[in-house]
Amino acid sequence: MCFASDGTKPTNKKCPKCNLKQDYANKKCTECGFEFPPEEEPKRRQKECPECGLEQPFTNRTCSECGFAFPRATGIGKKPGGPGGPGGPGGPGGPK
């Protein structure tokens, strides 16, 4: 969905089949019957607090409701042997 620079939804859209200007809320073109695809809300990166259940922006380090401290990312997908990782300098099984 495209928004105007002030964050408001547009009031019109154009039918891709007949090019007739349509009201943004129309689900079908009033001229040719083209069915507009349903609007999808943009996916927001959210996480749920395990303590109180409140949806949070993904970037929050603590819950804005109860103060729960979210665990830091573990770096899944990093190769072993890096600093602090398994087998790496300072990590378990690695040189000190």
C-alpha atoms as a PDB file:
ATOM      1  CA  MET A   1       0.000   0.000   0.000  1.00  0.00           C
ATOM      2  CA  CYS A   2       1.362   3.407  -0.904  1.00  0.00           C
ATOM      3  CA  PHE A   3       0.903   6.322   1.437  1.00  0.00           C
ATOM      4  CA  ALA A   4       1.145  10.045   0.784  1.00  0.00           C
ATOM      5  CA  SER A   5       4.106  11.897   2.244  1.00  0.00           C
ATOM      6  CA  ASP A   6       1.927  12.967   5.182  1.00  0.00           C
ATOM      7  CA  GLY A   7       1.130   9.300   6.010  1.00  0.00           C
ATOM      8  CA  THR A   8      -2.475   9.314   4.768  1.00  0.00           C
ATOM      9  CA  LYS A   9      -3.965   6.721   2.452  1.00  0.00           C
ATOM     10  CA  PRO A  10      -4.638   7.766  -1.162  1.00  0.00           C
ATOM     11  CA  THR A  11      -8.239   8.489  -2.169  1.00  0.00           C
ATOM     12  CA  ASN A  12      -8.018   7.183  -5.757  1.00  0.00           C
ATOM     13  CA  LYS A  13      -6.471   4.346  -7.716  1.00  0.00           C
ATOM     14  CA  LYS A  14      -6.349   3.495 -11.405  1.00  0.00           C
ATOM     15  CA  CYS A  15      -7.703   0.282 -12.888  1.00  0.00           C
ATOM     16  CA  PRO A  16      -4.820  -1.556 -14.611  1.00  0.00           C
ATOM     17  CA  LYS A  17      -7.200  -3.035 -17.194  1.00  0.00           C
ATOM     18  CA  CYS A  18      -9.160   0.005 -18.448  1.00  0.00           C
ATOM     19  CA  ASN A  19      -7.191   2.885 -16.815  1.00  0.00           C
ATOM     20  CA  LEU A  20     -10.324   4.416 -15.287  1.00  0.00           C
ATOM     21  CA  LYS A  21      -9.813   6.358 -12.061  1.00  0.00           C
ATOM     22  CA  GLN A  22     -11.519   4.568  -9.155  1.00  0.00           C
ATOM     23  CA  ASP A  23     -12.307   5.333  -5.547  1.00  0.00           C
ATOM     24  CA  TYR A  24      -9.584   3.764  -3.400  1.00  0.00           C
ATOM     25  CA  ALA A  25     -12.134   1.737  -1.400  1.00  0.00           C
ATOM     26  CA  ASN A  26     -13.556   0.003  -4.524  1.00  0.00           C
ATOM     27  CA  LYS A  27     -12.897  -3.707  -4.643  1.00  0.00           C
ATOM     28  CA  LYS A  28     -14.004  -3.920  -8.315  1.00  0.00           C
ATOM     29  CA  CYS A  29     -13.647  -1.506 -11.221  1.00  0.00           C
ATOM     30  CA  THR A  30     -16.981   0.200 -11.933  1.00  0.00           C
ATOM     31  CA  GLU A  31     -16.257   0.155 -15.688  1.00  0.00           C
ATOM     32  CA  CYS A  32     -14.765  -3.247 -16.581  1.00  0.00           C
ATOM     33  CA  GLY A  33     -15.273  -5.300 -13.393  1.00  0.00           C
ATOM     34  CA  PHE A  34     -11.548  -5.873 -12.736  1.00  0.00           C
ATOM     35  CA  GLU A  35     -11.126  -7.196  -9.182  1.00  0.00           C
ATOM     36  CA  PHE A  36      -8.439  -5.318  -7.288  1.00  0.00           C
ATOM     37  CA  PRO A  37      -6.219  -7.576  -5.162  1.00  0.00           C
ATOM     38  CA  PRO A  38      -6.789  -7.294  -1.414  1.00  0.00           C
ATOM     39  CA  GLU A  39      -4.555  -4.799   0.361  1.00  0.00           C
ATOM     40  CA  GLU A  40      -1.966  -6.323   2.633  1.00  0.00           C
ATOM     41  CA  GLU A  41      -0.786  -4.511   5.697  1.00  0.00           C
ATOM     42  CA  PRO A  42       2.965  -4.061   5.779  1.00  0.00           C
ATOM     43  CA  LYS A  43       4.647  -6.625   8.005  1.00  0.00           C
ATOM     44  CA  ARG A  44       6.031  -5.039  11.094  1.00  0.00           C
ATOM     45  CA  ARG A  45       8.891  -6.633  12.917  1.00  0.00           C
ATOM     46  CA  GLN A  46       7.354  -7.330  16.296  1.00  0.00           C
ATOM     47  CA  LYS A  47       8.101  -9.610  19.208  1.00  0.00           C
ATOM     48  CA  GLU A  48       5.937 -10.611  22.128  1.00  0.00           C
ATOM     49  CA  CYS A  49       7.058 -10.188  25.712  1.00  0.00           C
ATOM     50  CA  PRO A  50       7.118 -13.633  27.395  1.00  0.00           C
ATOM     51  CA  GLU A  51       6.201 -12.053  30.751  1.00  0.00           C
ATOM     52  CA  CYS A  52       3.181  -9.854  29.947  1.00  0.00           C
ATOM     53  CA  GLY A  53       2.387 -10.732  26.298  1.00  0.00           C
ATOM     54  CA  LEU A  54       2.606  -7.163  24.957  1.00  0.00           C
ATOM     55  CA  GLU A  55       3.667  -6.798  21.310  1.00  0.00           C
ATOM     56  CA  GLN A  56       6.893  -4.810  21.087  1.00  0.00           C
ATOM     57  CA  PRO A  57       8.941  -3.312  18.277  1.00  0.00           C
ATOM     58  CA  PHE A  58      11.647  -5.830  17.413  1.00  0.00           C
ATOM     59  CA  THR A  59      14.346  -3.318  18.381  1.00  0.00           C
ATOM     60  CA  ASN A  60      13.212  -2.943  22.030  1.00  0.00           C
ATOM     61  CA  ARG A  61      15.752  -4.324  24.478  1.00  0.00           C
ATOM     62  CA  THR A  62      13.296  -4.227  27.384  1.00  0.00           C
ATOM     63  CA  CYS A  63       9.508  -4.522  27.525  1.00  0.00           C
ATOM     64  CA  SER A  64       7.853  -1.119  27.634  1.00  0.00           C
ATOM     65  CA  GLU A  65       5.093  -2.529  29.880  1.00  0.00           C
ATOM     66  CA  CYS A  66       6.763  -4.752  32.496  1.00  0.00           C
ATOM     67  CA  GLY A  67      10.489  -4.067  31.997  1.00  0.00           C
ATOM     68  CA  PHE A  68      11.422  -7.646  31.013  1.00  0.00           C
ATOM     69  CA  ALA A  69      14.960  -7.658  29.548  1.00  0.00           C
ATOM     70  CA  PHE A  70      14.935  -9.480  26.216  1.00  0.00           C
ATOM     71  CA  PRO A  71      17.947 -11.767  25.713  1.00  0.00           C
ATOM     72  CA  ARG A  72      20.558 -10.497  23.277  1.00  0.00           C
ATOM     73  CA  ALA A  73      20.858 -12.134  19.877  1.00  0.00           C
ATOM     74  CA  THR A  74      23.179 -15.122  19.902  1.00  0.00           C
ATOM     75  CA  GLY A  75      24.543 -14.690  16.405  1.00  0.00           C
ATOM     76  CA  ILE A  76      22.935 -17.793  14.929  1.00  0.00           C
ATOM     77  CA  GLY A  77      24.624 -18.668  11.693  1.00  0.00           C
ATOM     78  CA  LYS A  78      28.100 -17.482  12.705  1.00  0.00           C
ATOM     79  CA  LYS A  79      30.899 -19.893  12.016  1.00  0.00           C
ATOM     80  CA  PRO A  80      32.536 -21.610  15.001  1.00  0.00           C
ATOM     81  CA  GLY A  81      36.047 -20.472  15.775  1.00  0.00           C
ATOM     82  CA  GLY A  82      35.354 -16.729  15.914  1.00  0.00           C
ATOM     83  CA  PRO A  83      36.183 -14.645  18.993  1.00  0.00           C
ATOM     84  CA  GLY A  84      34.111 -15.864  21.937  1.00  0.00           C
ATOM     85  CA  GLY A  85      32.563 -18.669  19.872  1.00  0.00           C
ATOM     86  CA  PRO A  86      33.108 -22.425  20.318  1.00  0.00           C
ATOM     87  CA  GLY A  87      36.734 -23.212  19.546  1.00  0.00           C
ATOM     88  CA  GLY A  88      37.622 -19.561  19.071  1.00  0.00           C
ATOM     89  CA  PRO A  89      39.797 -17.295  21.212  1.00  0.00           C
ATOM     90  CA  GLY A  90      38.125 -16.738  24.584  1.00  0.00           C
ATOM     91  CA  GLY A  91      35.327 -19.198  23.806  1.00  0.00           C
ATOM     92  CA  PRO A  92      34.676 -22.691  25.175  1.00  0.00           C
ATOM     93  CA  GLY A  93      37.287 -25.145  23.967  1.00  0.00           C
ATOM     94  CA  GLY A  94      39.397 -22.432  22.373  1.00  0.00           C
ATOM     95  CA  PRO A  95      42.725 -20.788  23.263  1.00  0.00           C
ATOM     96  CA  LYS A  96      42.640 -18.290  26.113  1.00  0.00           C
END
